[in-house]
Structure formats: C-alpha cells, structure tokens
Amino acid sequence: MDEFRFLDLVKRRQSVRKYDARAVEDEKLRLCLEAARLAPSASNSQPWTFVVANEPALVRSLGEACRGPLGTFNRFAITAPVIVTMVLEKPKVITEMGGRVKNKEYPLIDIGIAAEHFCLQAEALGLGTCMIGWLDESGVKTLLNVPENKTIGLLITLGYAPEDYPMRKKVRKSFDEVVAYNRYPRR
C-alpha cells in the first residue's frame, strides 16, 4: 500500500517556476534538508554541503546568477523565498578510485539522489521546488563564500506555488519504451 502513496507523490512532484511571497517555515525547510542529508551515496561519502539562502537580497542575487548570458533563463528564481545550493565535496578515496576505474562521476549521481530526496520531501509538505543547473558558478561561489576549489552541483528553489499554479500533465515515454527485461532491446 505504501508504494502506491509514494508513486502518487512522484506523480505530483513537478518543477515550480513561480512562487508566492509566503515564507517557508523553518521546520519544513529543516525536514527537506534532513531528507537530503539522509540520502544514500557511493561508499557513504556524502559528498555534499547544503548552503541555504533565505535572506531576500541574497536569494535575489543568487536568482540573478541563474539568468544566463541573455538574462532569459530561470527568471523565476528571484521569486523563491529560499534557494539551496548543493556544493560538491571530495568523496571518500575508495569512491574516487572506483569512479576513475569505472569512468563514473559518483558524487554527481549522489547529489542527484539527495536533490530528489529534498524535492520529494518538499512536495509531501506542500512546497514547490525546481532544480537549476544553469548558473554562473563563479558568481554563486562569490555570493556564498564557497572556496574556489569547490564545485557547485546545482541550486534548488523552494517555496509555495501560488494557489492557481497549474498542475502540468507529465509527458513521459511509455513504460515499454524505457523498460527492457534481461537484455537491451533492439529498436
């Protein structure tokens, strides 16, 4: 029975690109961060630091750092009451070595899992989120005092969507298009 409730949560979660002015309650923010903190990671490296921006001027500046060269991308980010920046941290040596051998960026996979934990918890609490990968990394580092040798993984906007925010229909490939059993499908 629980898996059906979880699937309903997954179906409801969408990227929110408009926020109302309501502040996010500290307890709800903390629950989202706790969900991300508890996410699994390769060799339990936990290669992340979550930097929370909830001061309006800082949030606005971070939002501006996501606008792109023509100022047209992610314009909504300045309306979010909270932006969480996920900073990549050095993984455990075993994870790093395994990544080199297997040509995999395990820390990127790990922050993706943590980010989705954050977003699903937010959805369960009635909050909206949007993951942002297009950003001025140098600008974000400067705004948040992140050391130059660190990498910004992504930003997540967090807040309440307006009451009339539309629930978009999820357009996804069919189950049969993306699932194969026992061997890769011939297409």
N, C-alpha and C. Protein backbone atom coordinates (compact mmCIF):
# COMPACT_ATOMS: atom_id res chain seq x y z
N MET A 1 0.82 -1.20 0.00
CA MET A 1 0.00 0.00 0.00
C MET A 1 0.86 1.26 0.00
N ASP A 2 1.97 1.29 0.77
CA ASP A 2 2.82 2.48 0.84
C ASP A 2 3.42 2.85 -0.51
N GLU A 3 3.76 1.85 -1.33
CA GLU A 3 4.37 2.16 -2.61
C GLU A 3 3.42 2.92 -3.52
N PHE A 4 2.12 2.70 -3.36
CA PHE A 4 1.17 3.44 -4.18
C PHE A 4 1.10 4.90 -3.73
N ARG A 5 1.21 5.16 -2.44
CA ARG A 5 1.23 6.53 -1.94
C ARG A 5 2.51 7.22 -2.41
N PHE A 6 3.63 6.50 -2.40
CA PHE A 6 4.88 7.09 -2.87
C PHE A 6 4.77 7.43 -4.36
N LEU A 7 4.20 6.55 -5.15
CA LEU A 7 4.05 6.81 -6.58
C LEU A 7 3.15 8.03 -6.80
N ASP A 8 2.13 8.20 -5.97
CA ASP A 8 1.28 9.39 -6.07
C ASP A 8 2.10 10.65 -5.82
N LEU A 9 3.01 10.60 -4.84
CA LEU A 9 3.89 11.73 -4.55
C LEU A 9 4.79 12.03 -5.76
N VAL A 10 5.35 10.99 -6.34
CA VAL A 10 6.21 11.15 -7.52
C VAL A 10 5.41 11.75 -8.67
N LYS A 11 4.17 11.34 -8.83
CA LYS A 11 3.34 11.88 -9.91
C LYS A 11 3.00 13.35 -9.68
N ARG A 12 2.84 13.76 -8.43
CA ARG A 12 2.51 15.15 -8.10
C ARG A 12 3.69 16.09 -8.23
N ARG A 13 4.90 15.62 -7.94
CA ARG A 13 6.07 16.49 -7.92
C ARG A 13 6.37 17.02 -9.32
N GLN A 14 6.49 18.32 -9.41
CA GLN A 14 6.84 18.96 -10.67
C GLN A 14 7.74 20.15 -10.38
N SER A 15 8.41 20.65 -11.40
CA SER A 15 9.24 21.84 -11.23
C SER A 15 8.32 23.05 -11.15
N VAL A 16 8.47 23.80 -10.07
CA VAL A 16 7.66 25.01 -9.86
C VAL A 16 8.50 26.21 -10.26
N ARG A 17 7.92 27.03 -11.12
CA ARG A 17 8.65 28.18 -11.64
C ARG A 17 7.94 29.50 -11.34
N LYS A 18 7.20 29.49 -10.24
CA LYS A 18 6.56 30.73 -9.77
C LYS A 18 6.23 30.51 -8.29
N TYR A 19 6.56 31.48 -7.48
CA TYR A 19 6.36 31.35 -6.04
C TYR A 19 5.60 32.55 -5.50
N ASP A 20 4.77 32.29 -4.48
CA ASP A 20 4.15 33.44 -3.81
C ASP A 20 5.07 33.93 -2.70
N ALA A 21 4.68 34.98 -2.04
CA ALA A 21 5.58 35.66 -1.09
C ALA A 21 5.66 34.97 0.27
N ARG A 22 4.86 33.94 0.50
CA ARG A 22 4.87 33.27 1.81
C ARG A 22 6.25 32.72 2.15
N ALA A 23 6.66 32.93 3.37
CA ALA A 23 7.94 32.38 3.84
C ALA A 23 7.80 30.87 4.06
N VAL A 24 8.89 30.17 3.88
CA VAL A 24 8.92 28.73 4.17
C VAL A 24 9.23 28.57 5.66
N GLU A 25 8.40 27.81 6.34
CA GLU A 25 8.58 27.59 7.77
C GLU A 25 9.90 26.87 8.02
N ASP A 26 10.60 27.27 9.08
CA ASP A 26 11.89 26.66 9.41
C ASP A 26 11.80 25.15 9.55
N GLU A 27 10.75 24.66 10.18
CA GLU A 27 10.60 23.21 10.38
C GLU A 27 10.47 22.48 9.04
N LYS A 28 9.73 23.04 8.10
CA LYS A 28 9.59 22.41 6.79
C LYS A 28 10.92 22.42 6.03
N LEU A 29 11.62 23.53 6.10
CA LEU A 29 12.93 23.62 5.46
C LEU A 29 13.87 22.58 6.06
N ARG A 30 13.85 22.48 7.37
CA ARG A 30 14.71 21.51 8.06
C ARG A 30 14.38 20.08 7.65
N LEU A 31 13.10 19.76 7.49
CA LEU A 31 12.71 18.41 7.07
C LEU A 31 13.22 18.11 5.65
N CYS A 32 13.16 19.08 4.77
CA CYS A 32 13.68 18.89 3.41
C CYS A 32 15.19 18.65 3.44
N LEU A 33 15.89 19.44 4.23
CA LEU A 33 17.34 19.28 4.35
C LEU A 33 17.69 17.93 4.99
N GLU A 34 16.91 17.51 5.95
CA GLU A 34 17.15 16.22 6.60
C GLU A 34 16.93 15.07 5.61
N ALA A 35 15.91 15.17 4.78
CA ALA A 35 15.68 14.14 3.76
C ALA A 35 16.87 14.05 2.81
N ALA A 36 17.42 15.20 2.42
CA ALA A 36 18.59 15.21 1.54
C ALA A 36 19.81 14.65 2.26
N ARG A 37 19.98 15.04 3.51
CA ARG A 37 21.14 14.58 4.30
C ARG A 37 21.15 13.06 4.43
N LEU A 38 19.98 12.47 4.52
CA LEU A 38 19.87 11.02 4.73
C LEU A 38 19.96 10.21 3.43
N ALA A 39 20.11 10.88 2.31
CA ALA A 39 20.17 10.17 1.02
C ALA A 39 21.39 9.25 0.98
N PRO A 40 21.26 8.13 0.28
CA PRO A 40 22.42 7.25 0.13
C PRO A 40 23.44 7.86 -0.81
N SER A 41 24.69 7.42 -0.67
CA SER A 41 25.76 7.88 -1.56
C SER A 41 26.81 6.78 -1.68
N ALA A 42 27.57 6.82 -2.76
CA ALA A 42 28.59 5.81 -3.02
C ALA A 42 29.57 5.75 -1.85
N SER A 43 29.75 4.58 -1.30
CA SER A 43 30.65 4.35 -0.15
C SER A 43 30.32 5.25 1.03
N ASN A 44 29.08 5.70 1.10
CA ASN A 44 28.62 6.60 2.15
C ASN A 44 29.49 7.86 2.23
N SER A 45 29.94 8.34 1.07
CA SER A 45 30.81 9.52 1.03
C SER A 45 30.10 10.80 1.45
N GLN A 46 28.80 10.88 1.18
CA GLN A 46 28.03 12.08 1.48
C GLN A 46 28.75 13.33 0.96
N PRO A 47 29.01 13.38 -0.36
CA PRO A 47 29.86 14.44 -0.92
C PRO A 47 29.11 15.74 -1.17
N TRP A 48 28.53 16.31 -0.11
CA TRP A 48 27.72 17.49 -0.29
C TRP A 48 27.76 18.39 0.93
N THR A 49 27.57 19.66 0.67
CA THR A 49 27.23 20.65 1.69
C THR A 49 26.05 21.41 1.12
N PHE A 50 25.04 21.62 1.95
CA PHE A 50 23.84 22.36 1.53
C PHE A 50 23.94 23.77 2.11
N VAL A 51 24.03 24.76 1.24
CA VAL A 51 24.10 26.15 1.69
C VAL A 51 22.73 26.77 1.45
N VAL A 52 22.07 27.16 2.53
CA VAL A 52 20.71 27.69 2.48
C VAL A 52 20.75 29.21 2.43
N ALA A 53 20.13 29.76 1.40
CA ALA A 53 19.97 31.21 1.30
C ALA A 53 18.50 31.53 1.52
N ASN A 54 18.21 32.29 2.59
CA ASN A 54 16.84 32.71 2.84
C ASN A 54 16.74 34.21 3.16
N GLU A 55 17.84 34.92 3.01
CA GLU A 55 17.81 36.38 3.11
C GLU A 55 17.39 36.92 1.74
N PRO A 56 16.32 37.72 1.67
CA PRO A 56 15.78 38.15 0.37
C PRO A 56 16.80 38.73 -0.60
N ALA A 57 17.70 39.57 -0.14
CA ALA A 57 18.69 40.18 -1.05
C ALA A 57 19.63 39.13 -1.62
N LEU A 58 20.03 38.17 -0.79
CA LEU A 58 20.92 37.10 -1.25
C LEU A 58 20.20 36.18 -2.22
N VAL A 59 18.96 35.84 -1.91
CA VAL A 59 18.17 34.99 -2.81
C VAL A 59 18.03 35.67 -4.17
N ARG A 60 17.75 36.95 -4.15
CA ARG A 60 17.62 37.69 -5.42
C ARG A 60 18.93 37.66 -6.21
N SER A 61 20.04 37.86 -5.53
CA SER A 61 21.34 37.83 -6.21
C SER A 61 21.64 36.43 -6.76
N LEU A 62 21.33 35.40 -6.00
CA LEU A 62 21.51 34.03 -6.50
C LEU A 62 20.61 33.78 -7.70
N GLY A 63 19.38 34.25 -7.63
CA GLY A 63 18.46 34.11 -8.76
C GLY A 63 19.00 34.79 -10.00
N GLU A 64 19.58 35.97 -9.81
CA GLU A 64 20.19 36.68 -10.94
C GLU A 64 21.36 35.89 -11.52
N ALA A 65 22.08 35.16 -10.68
CA ALA A 65 23.22 34.37 -11.15
C ALA A 65 22.78 33.15 -11.96
N CYS A 66 21.49 32.92 -12.04
CA CYS A 66 20.95 31.78 -12.81
C CYS A 66 20.30 32.23 -14.11
N ARG A 67 20.41 33.50 -14.45
CA ARG A 67 19.67 34.06 -15.59
C ARG A 67 20.29 33.78 -16.95
N GLY A 68 21.55 33.41 -17.01
CA GLY A 68 22.17 33.12 -18.29
C GLY A 68 22.67 34.37 -18.98
N PRO A 69 23.39 34.18 -20.09
CA PRO A 69 24.05 35.31 -20.76
C PRO A 69 23.08 36.36 -21.31
N LEU A 70 21.89 35.97 -21.69
CA LEU A 70 20.93 36.93 -22.22
C LEU A 70 19.91 37.35 -21.17
N GLY A 71 20.03 36.82 -19.95
CA GLY A 71 19.11 37.17 -18.89
C GLY A 71 17.74 36.55 -19.01
N THR A 72 17.63 35.50 -19.83
CA THR A 72 16.30 34.93 -20.10
C THR A 72 16.04 33.61 -19.38
N PHE A 73 17.07 32.96 -18.87
CA PHE A 73 16.87 31.68 -18.20
C PHE A 73 16.47 31.88 -16.75
N ASN A 74 15.70 30.96 -16.23
CA ASN A 74 15.41 30.87 -14.79
C ASN A 74 14.99 32.19 -14.15
N ARG A 75 14.24 32.99 -14.88
CA ARG A 75 13.82 34.30 -14.35
C ARG A 75 13.01 34.17 -13.07
N PHE A 76 12.36 33.04 -12.89
CA PHE A 76 11.51 32.81 -11.72
C PHE A 76 12.30 32.70 -10.42
N ALA A 77 13.59 32.36 -10.51
CA ALA A 77 14.38 32.05 -9.31
C ALA A 77 14.40 33.19 -8.30
N ILE A 78 14.32 34.42 -8.77
CA ILE A 78 14.35 35.55 -7.84
C ILE A 78 13.09 35.64 -7.00
N THR A 79 12.02 34.92 -7.38
CA THR A 79 10.76 34.96 -6.63
C THR A 79 10.70 33.92 -5.52
N ALA A 80 11.64 32.99 -5.49
CA ALA A 80 11.63 31.94 -4.47
C ALA A 80 12.06 32.52 -3.13
N PRO A 81 11.42 32.13 -2.04
CA PRO A 81 11.86 32.62 -0.74
C PRO A 81 13.15 31.96 -0.25
N VAL A 82 13.46 30.78 -0.80
CA VAL A 82 14.66 30.04 -0.38
C VAL A 82 15.34 29.46 -1.61
N ILE A 83 16.67 29.52 -1.62
CA ILE A 83 17.45 28.79 -2.62
C ILE A 83 18.51 28.00 -1.86
N VAL A 84 18.55 26.71 -2.14
CA VAL A 84 19.54 25.83 -1.53
C VAL A 84 20.58 25.49 -2.59
N THR A 85 21.83 25.75 -2.28
CA THR A 85 22.93 25.43 -3.18
C THR A 85 23.60 24.15 -2.70
N MET A 86 23.75 23.21 -3.61
CA MET A 86 24.42 21.95 -3.30
C MET A 86 25.85 22.04 -3.79
N VAL A 87 26.77 22.07 -2.83
CA VAL A 87 28.20 22.15 -3.14
C VAL A 87 28.78 20.75 -3.09
N LEU A 88 29.48 20.36 -4.14
CA LEU A 88 30.12 19.05 -4.18
C LEU A 88 31.35 19.05 -3.27
N GLU A 89 31.44 18.02 -2.48
CA GLU A 89 32.60 17.84 -1.60
C GLU A 89 33.40 16.64 -2.09
N LYS A 90 34.62 16.57 -1.64
CA LYS A 90 35.50 15.46 -2.04
C LYS A 90 34.93 14.15 -1.49
N PRO A 91 34.79 13.14 -2.34
CA PRO A 91 34.28 11.85 -1.86
C PRO A 91 35.38 11.07 -1.13
N LYS A 92 35.00 9.97 -0.55
CA LYS A 92 35.99 9.09 0.07
C LYS A 92 36.95 8.60 -1.01
N VAL A 93 38.14 8.25 -0.61
CA VAL A 93 39.17 7.78 -1.54
C VAL A 93 38.68 6.58 -2.34
N ILE A 94 38.01 5.64 -1.70
CA ILE A 94 37.52 4.44 -2.39
C ILE A 94 36.51 4.81 -3.47
N THR A 95 35.68 5.80 -3.20
CA THR A 95 34.71 6.27 -4.19
C THR A 95 35.41 6.94 -5.36
N GLU A 96 36.38 7.76 -5.04
CA GLU A 96 37.14 8.46 -6.08
C GLU A 96 37.89 7.47 -6.96
N MET A 97 38.54 6.48 -6.35
CA MET A 97 39.27 5.47 -7.12
C MET A 97 38.31 4.65 -7.98
N GLY A 98 37.21 4.25 -7.40
CA GLY A 98 36.21 3.49 -8.16
C GLY A 98 35.66 4.28 -9.32
N GLY A 99 35.47 5.58 -9.11
CA GLY A 99 34.99 6.44 -10.19
C GLY A 99 35.97 6.53 -11.34
N ARG A 100 37.26 6.59 -11.00
CA ARG A 100 38.28 6.63 -12.06
C ARG A 100 38.30 5.31 -12.83
N VAL A 101 38.26 4.20 -12.11
CA VAL A 101 38.30 2.88 -12.76
C VAL A 101 37.08 2.70 -13.67
N LYS A 102 35.92 3.08 -13.17
CA LYS A 102 34.67 2.86 -13.90
C LYS A 102 34.25 4.04 -14.77
N ASN A 103 35.04 5.11 -14.75
CA ASN A 103 34.72 6.31 -15.53
C ASN A 103 33.32 6.83 -15.19
N LYS A 104 33.06 6.95 -13.89
CA LYS A 104 31.77 7.43 -13.39
C LYS A 104 32.00 8.59 -12.43
N GLU A 105 31.12 9.54 -12.46
CA GLU A 105 31.16 10.67 -11.53
C GLU A 105 30.19 10.39 -10.39
N TYR A 106 30.58 9.53 -9.48
CA TYR A 106 29.69 9.14 -8.40
C TYR A 106 29.17 10.31 -7.58
N PRO A 107 29.98 11.32 -7.26
CA PRO A 107 29.42 12.44 -6.50
C PRO A 107 28.26 13.15 -7.21
N LEU A 108 28.31 13.22 -8.54
CA LEU A 108 27.19 13.83 -9.27
C LEU A 108 25.93 12.98 -9.15
N ILE A 109 26.10 11.68 -9.21
CA ILE A 109 24.96 10.78 -9.01
C ILE A 109 24.42 10.98 -7.60
N ASP A 110 25.32 11.04 -6.63
CA ASP A 110 24.93 11.18 -5.23
C ASP A 110 24.14 12.47 -4.98
N ILE A 111 24.60 13.60 -5.52
CA ILE A 111 23.84 14.82 -5.26
C ILE A 111 22.50 14.82 -6.00
N GLY A 112 22.43 14.09 -7.11
CA GLY A 112 21.14 13.94 -7.78
C GLY A 112 20.14 13.21 -6.90
N ILE A 113 20.61 12.17 -6.24
CA ILE A 113 19.75 11.42 -5.32
C ILE A 113 19.33 12.32 -4.15
N ALA A 114 20.29 13.02 -3.56
CA ALA A 114 20.00 13.90 -2.43
C ALA A 114 19.02 15.01 -2.84
N ALA A 115 19.22 15.56 -4.03
CA ALA A 115 18.35 16.63 -4.52
C ALA A 115 16.92 16.12 -4.68
N GLU A 116 16.77 14.93 -5.20
CA GLU A 116 15.41 14.40 -5.38
C GLU A 116 14.78 14.07 -4.04
N HIS A 117 15.55 13.59 -3.08
CA HIS A 117 15.01 13.39 -1.72
C HIS A 117 14.47 14.72 -1.19
N PHE A 118 15.25 15.79 -1.36
CA PHE A 118 14.85 17.12 -0.93
C PHE A 118 13.53 17.52 -1.59
N CYS A 119 13.47 17.36 -2.91
CA CYS A 119 12.29 17.79 -3.67
C CYS A 119 11.05 16.97 -3.34
N LEU A 120 11.21 15.68 -3.15
CA LEU A 120 10.05 14.85 -2.81
C LEU A 120 9.54 15.18 -1.41
N GLN A 121 10.45 15.42 -0.47
CA GLN A 121 10.02 15.83 0.88
C GLN A 121 9.28 17.16 0.81
N ALA A 122 9.79 18.08 0.02
CA ALA A 122 9.12 19.37 -0.14
C ALA A 122 7.71 19.17 -0.69
N GLU A 123 7.58 18.35 -1.70
CA GLU A 123 6.25 18.08 -2.27
C GLU A 123 5.31 17.51 -1.23
N ALA A 124 5.81 16.58 -0.42
CA ALA A 124 4.98 15.98 0.64
C ALA A 124 4.52 17.03 1.65
N LEU A 125 5.27 18.12 1.78
CA LEU A 125 4.93 19.18 2.73
C LEU A 125 4.15 20.32 2.09
N GLY A 126 3.80 20.17 0.81
CA GLY A 126 3.04 21.20 0.13
C GLY A 126 3.88 22.34 -0.43
N LEU A 127 5.19 22.10 -0.56
CA LEU A 127 6.10 23.11 -1.08
C LEU A 127 6.48 22.77 -2.52
N GLY A 128 6.86 23.78 -3.28
CA GLY A 128 7.33 23.58 -4.63
C GLY A 128 8.83 23.75 -4.72
N THR A 129 9.42 23.09 -5.71
CA THR A 129 10.87 23.16 -5.92
C THR A 129 11.17 23.19 -7.41
N CYS A 130 12.37 23.63 -7.71
CA CYS A 130 12.90 23.49 -9.07
C CYS A 130 14.41 23.38 -8.98
N MET A 131 14.96 22.34 -9.59
CA MET A 131 16.40 22.17 -9.64
C MET A 131 16.95 23.01 -10.78
N ILE A 132 18.02 23.74 -10.50
CA ILE A 132 18.62 24.62 -11.50
C ILE A 132 20.08 24.22 -11.70
N GLY A 133 20.42 23.90 -12.92
CA GLY A 133 21.79 23.54 -13.26
C GLY A 133 22.50 24.62 -14.05
N TRP A 134 21.72 25.51 -14.67
CA TRP A 134 22.30 26.60 -15.44
C TRP A 134 22.55 27.76 -14.49
N LEU A 135 23.82 28.06 -14.25
CA LEU A 135 24.14 29.11 -13.29
C LEU A 135 25.54 29.63 -13.54
N ASP A 136 25.78 30.82 -13.04
CA ASP A 136 27.11 31.42 -13.07
C ASP A 136 27.84 30.91 -11.84
N GLU A 137 28.61 29.85 -12.02
CA GLU A 137 29.24 29.18 -10.88
C GLU A 137 30.15 30.12 -10.09
N SER A 138 30.94 30.90 -10.79
CA SER A 138 31.83 31.83 -10.12
C SER A 138 31.04 32.85 -9.30
N GLY A 139 29.96 33.34 -9.87
CA GLY A 139 29.11 34.30 -9.16
C GLY A 139 28.47 33.70 -7.92
N VAL A 140 27.99 32.46 -8.03
CA VAL A 140 27.38 31.78 -6.89
C VAL A 140 28.43 31.57 -5.79
N LYS A 141 29.61 31.14 -6.20
CA LYS A 141 30.69 30.94 -5.21
C LYS A 141 31.00 32.23 -4.47
N THR A 142 31.08 33.32 -5.20
CA THR A 142 31.38 34.61 -4.58
C THR A 142 30.28 35.00 -3.60
N LEU A 143 29.03 34.87 -4.02
CA LEU A 143 27.90 35.26 -3.17
C LEU A 143 27.86 34.46 -1.86
N LEU A 144 28.22 33.18 -1.94
CA LEU A 144 28.09 32.30 -0.78
C LEU A 144 29.42 32.00 -0.08
N ASN A 145 30.49 32.65 -0.51
CA ASN A 145 31.82 32.41 0.07
C ASN A 145 32.26 30.96 -0.05
N VAL A 146 31.92 30.34 -1.17
CA VAL A 146 32.34 28.96 -1.43
C VAL A 146 33.77 29.01 -1.97
N PRO A 147 34.68 28.21 -1.41
CA PRO A 147 36.06 28.21 -1.90
C PRO A 147 36.14 27.92 -3.40
N GLU A 148 37.12 28.51 -4.04
CA GLU A 148 37.28 28.38 -5.50
C GLU A 148 37.48 26.93 -5.93
N ASN A 149 38.09 26.09 -5.08
CA ASN A 149 38.38 24.71 -5.47
C ASN A 149 37.17 23.79 -5.33
N LYS A 150 36.03 24.32 -4.91
CA LYS A 150 34.79 23.53 -4.81
C LYS A 150 33.99 23.67 -6.08
N THR A 151 33.06 22.74 -6.29
CA THR A 151 32.17 22.77 -7.45
C THR A 151 30.73 22.92 -6.98
N ILE A 152 29.99 23.78 -7.65
CA ILE A 152 28.57 23.93 -7.38
C ILE A 152 27.85 22.86 -8.20
N GLY A 153 27.14 21.97 -7.52
CA GLY A 153 26.42 20.91 -8.23
C GLY A 153 25.15 21.42 -8.87
N LEU A 154 24.30 22.03 -8.06
CA LEU A 154 23.06 22.61 -8.55
C LEU A 154 22.43 23.45 -7.47
N LEU A 155 21.43 24.21 -7.85
CA LEU A 155 20.64 25.00 -6.92
C LEU A 155 19.22 24.47 -6.93
N ILE A 156 18.54 24.59 -5.81
CA ILE A 156 17.13 24.21 -5.73
C ILE A 156 16.35 25.39 -5.16
N THR A 157 15.37 25.86 -5.93
CA THR A 157 14.47 26.88 -5.40
C THR A 157 13.42 26.18 -4.56
N LEU A 158 12.94 26.86 -3.52
CA LEU A 158 11.97 26.28 -2.60
C LEU A 158 10.99 27.35 -2.15
N GLY A 159 9.72 27.02 -2.19
CA GLY A 159 8.70 27.95 -1.72
C GLY A 159 7.32 27.41 -2.01
N TYR A 160 6.34 28.25 -1.77
CA TYR A 160 4.95 27.89 -2.03
C TYR A 160 4.56 28.37 -3.42
N ALA A 161 4.03 27.48 -4.22
CA ALA A 161 3.48 27.88 -5.51
C ALA A 161 2.19 28.64 -5.26
N PRO A 162 1.84 29.58 -6.13
CA PRO A 162 0.55 30.26 -5.97
C PRO A 162 -0.59 29.23 -6.02
N GLU A 163 -1.69 29.57 -5.36
CA GLU A 163 -2.84 28.65 -5.29
C GLU A 163 -3.29 28.19 -6.67
N ASP A 164 -3.21 29.07 -7.66
CA ASP A 164 -3.69 28.75 -9.00
C ASP A 164 -2.60 28.18 -9.92
N TYR A 165 -1.47 27.78 -9.33
CA TYR A 165 -0.38 27.24 -10.16
C TYR A 165 -0.85 25.95 -10.83
N PRO A 166 -0.73 25.86 -12.14
CA PRO A 166 -1.27 24.69 -12.85
C PRO A 166 -0.45 23.42 -12.63
N MET A 167 -1.15 22.33 -12.49
CA MET A 167 -0.50 21.02 -12.45
C MET A 167 -0.35 20.59 -13.91
N ARG A 168 0.89 20.53 -14.37
CA ARG A 168 1.13 20.16 -15.76
C ARG A 168 1.03 18.65 -15.93
N LYS A 169 0.56 18.27 -17.10
CA LYS A 169 0.50 16.85 -17.43
C LYS A 169 1.92 16.36 -17.65
N LYS A 170 2.28 15.27 -17.02
CA LYS A 170 3.62 14.71 -17.22
C LYS A 170 3.66 14.01 -18.57
N VAL A 171 4.56 14.45 -19.41
CA VAL A 171 4.75 13.83 -20.71
C VAL A 171 6.01 12.98 -20.60
N ARG A 172 5.83 11.71 -20.60
CA ARG A 172 6.94 10.78 -20.48
C ARG A 172 6.81 9.70 -21.55
N LYS A 173 7.92 9.10 -21.89
CA LYS A 173 7.89 7.95 -22.79
C LYS A 173 7.07 6.85 -22.12
N SER A 174 6.52 5.97 -22.91
CA SER A 174 5.72 4.88 -22.35
C SER A 174 6.62 3.91 -21.60
N PHE A 175 6.01 3.15 -20.72
CA PHE A 175 6.73 2.14 -19.94
C PHE A 175 7.51 1.22 -20.86
N ASP A 176 6.87 0.74 -21.91
CA ASP A 176 7.53 -0.20 -22.82
C ASP A 176 8.69 0.42 -23.60
N GLU A 177 8.69 1.73 -23.76
CA GLU A 177 9.79 2.40 -24.45
C GLU A 177 11.05 2.50 -23.60
N VAL A 178 10.91 2.45 -22.29
CA VAL A 178 12.07 2.67 -21.43
C VAL A 178 12.44 1.48 -20.56
N VAL A 179 11.66 0.41 -20.62
CA VAL A 179 11.93 -0.75 -19.78
C VAL A 179 12.19 -1.97 -20.66
N ALA A 180 13.26 -2.67 -20.37
CA ALA A 180 13.57 -3.93 -21.06
C ALA A 180 13.95 -4.95 -19.99
N TYR A 181 13.61 -6.18 -20.22
CA TYR A 181 13.95 -7.25 -19.28
C TYR A 181 15.02 -8.15 -19.90
N ASN A 182 16.05 -8.41 -19.14
CA ASN A 182 17.08 -9.39 -19.43
C ASN A 182 18.06 -9.03 -20.54
N ARG A 183 17.78 -8.08 -21.38
CA ARG A 183 18.75 -7.63 -22.38
C ARG A 183 18.27 -6.32 -22.99
N TYR A 184 19.23 -5.59 -23.51
CA TYR A 184 18.91 -4.30 -24.13
C TYR A 184 18.03 -4.56 -25.36
N PRO A 185 17.00 -3.75 -25.54
CA PRO A 185 16.06 -4.01 -26.64
C PRO A 185 16.64 -3.59 -27.99
N ARG A 186 16.23 -4.28 -29.02
CA ARG A 186 16.54 -3.87 -30.40
C ARG A 186 15.45 -2.91 -30.82
N ARG A 187 15.87 -1.80 -31.33
CA ARG A 187 14.86 -0.79 -31.74
C ARG A 187 15.04 -0.46 -33.17
